[in-house]
Amino acid sequence: MNGAAAIDLGLDDDALTVEWSVGGLPDVALWAQYAAPGADAVPLRFAGSYQRDDTGEIVAVEVVMRGRHKEIDGGENKQGENTSTKLSDCLHLLSPHD
């Protein structure tokens, strides 16, 4: 019988996944990356900062990831309402930078 076989790599099932959202409908570039060949076909980079409550110090953070889009969920799109699209990615590289 053909089917998927689970492989135990010593991590939990969702150890290297990320879910993120974009406002509106995804553009052509995101759809072109969906089902791209190669386990690390999609580069992702998030940059931001956080501020400490006690000292007020602001620390810049950058996270670089590579993987593949697992799911693109457009949700319900209704005329005249703000829309968002959720993406779920399986990661093969996670590299946080300060």
Protein backbone atom coordinates (compact mmCIF):
# COMPACT_ATOMS: atom_id res chain seq x y z
CA MET A 1 0.00 0.00 0.00
CA ASN A 2 1.43 3.39 -0.98
CA GLY A 3 1.40 6.20 1.55
CA ALA A 4 3.45 8.60 3.62
CA ALA A 5 5.79 7.20 6.26
CA ALA A 6 6.63 9.20 9.39
CA ILE A 7 10.32 9.53 10.23
CA ASP A 8 11.43 10.14 13.81
CA LEU A 9 14.25 12.67 13.70
CA GLY A 10 14.31 13.24 17.45
CA LEU A 11 12.34 16.50 17.36
CA ASP A 12 8.64 17.09 17.75
CA ASP A 13 6.59 17.25 14.55
CA ASP A 14 6.37 21.06 14.47
CA ALA A 15 9.93 21.81 15.58
CA LEU A 16 10.90 23.69 12.44
CA THR A 17 7.75 25.32 11.11
CA VAL A 18 6.65 28.92 10.90
CA GLU A 19 3.24 30.47 10.31
CA TRP A 20 2.95 34.04 9.10
CA SER A 21 0.38 36.32 7.50
CA VAL A 22 0.34 38.90 4.75
CA GLY A 23 -2.28 41.59 4.30
CA GLY A 24 -4.47 41.15 1.25
CA LEU A 25 -4.02 38.54 -1.44
CA PRO A 26 -0.60 36.96 -2.06
CA ASP A 27 1.24 38.29 -5.08
CA VAL A 28 2.58 36.27 -7.99
CA ALA A 29 6.01 35.80 -6.35
CA LEU A 30 4.51 33.89 -3.41
CA TRP A 31 2.49 31.63 -5.68
CA ALA A 32 5.59 30.97 -7.81
CA GLN A 33 7.42 29.73 -4.69
CA TYR A 34 4.66 27.27 -3.79
CA ALA A 35 5.77 23.68 -4.54
CA ALA A 36 9.19 24.91 -5.69
CA PRO A 37 11.70 22.08 -6.08
CA GLY A 38 14.26 21.67 -3.31
CA ALA A 39 13.86 21.46 0.45
CA ASP A 40 15.26 24.96 0.96
CA ALA A 41 13.75 26.65 -2.10
CA VAL A 42 12.09 29.56 -0.27
CA PRO A 43 14.23 32.14 1.56
CA LEU A 44 12.45 34.09 4.31
CA ARG A 45 13.80 37.02 6.33
CA PHE A 46 12.06 38.79 9.18
CA ALA A 47 13.60 41.90 10.72
CA GLY A 48 12.34 43.82 13.71
CA SER A 49 13.16 44.87 17.23
CA TYR A 50 11.98 44.55 20.78
CA GLN A 51 12.25 46.90 23.73
CA ARG A 52 13.09 45.88 27.28
CA ASP A 53 10.55 46.94 29.89
CA ASP A 54 13.09 47.58 32.64
CA THR A 55 15.75 49.62 30.82
CA GLY A 56 14.00 50.76 27.66
CA GLU A 57 16.89 49.37 25.59
CA ILE A 58 15.91 48.54 22.00
CA VAL A 59 17.46 45.43 20.48
CA ALA A 60 17.36 44.72 16.74
CA VAL A 61 16.55 41.15 15.72
CA GLU A 62 16.86 39.44 12.35
CA VAL A 63 15.72 35.88 11.60
CA VAL A 64 16.75 34.18 8.35
CA MET A 65 14.97 30.98 7.32
CA ARG A 66 14.94 28.62 4.35
CA GLY A 67 12.32 26.01 3.59
CA ARG A 68 9.15 25.46 1.55
CA HIS A 69 5.61 26.75 1.72
CA LYS A 70 3.44 23.95 3.11
CA GLU A 71 0.09 25.73 2.99
CA ILE A 72 -1.35 29.00 1.69
CA ASP A 73 -4.72 29.75 3.32
CA GLY A 74 -6.66 32.64 1.83
CA GLY A 75 -9.52 32.32 4.31
CA GLU A 76 -12.77 34.01 3.39
CA ASN A 77 -12.47 36.97 1.05
CA LYS A 78 -15.50 39.24 1.12
CA GLN A 79 -16.03 42.39 -0.87
CA GLY A 80 -15.32 45.57 1.09
CA GLU A 81 -13.50 43.84 3.98
CA ASN A 82 -9.81 43.68 4.83
CA THR A 83 -8.31 40.34 3.89
CA SER A 84 -5.25 38.44 5.01
CA THR A 85 -3.54 35.28 3.84
CA LYS A 86 -1.87 32.83 6.23
CA LEU A 87 1.18 30.89 5.11
CA SER A 88 2.68 27.85 6.80
CA ASP A 89 6.26 26.85 5.99
CA CYS A 90 8.41 23.80 6.79
CA LEU A 91 11.90 25.04 7.61
CA HIS A 92 15.25 23.41 6.97
CA LEU A 93 17.38 26.35 8.17
CA LEU A 94 16.68 28.73 11.03
CA SER A 95 19.33 31.33 11.77
CA PRO A 96 18.51 34.08 14.30
CA HIS A 97 20.83 37.11 14.35
CA ASP A 98 21.10 39.95 16.86
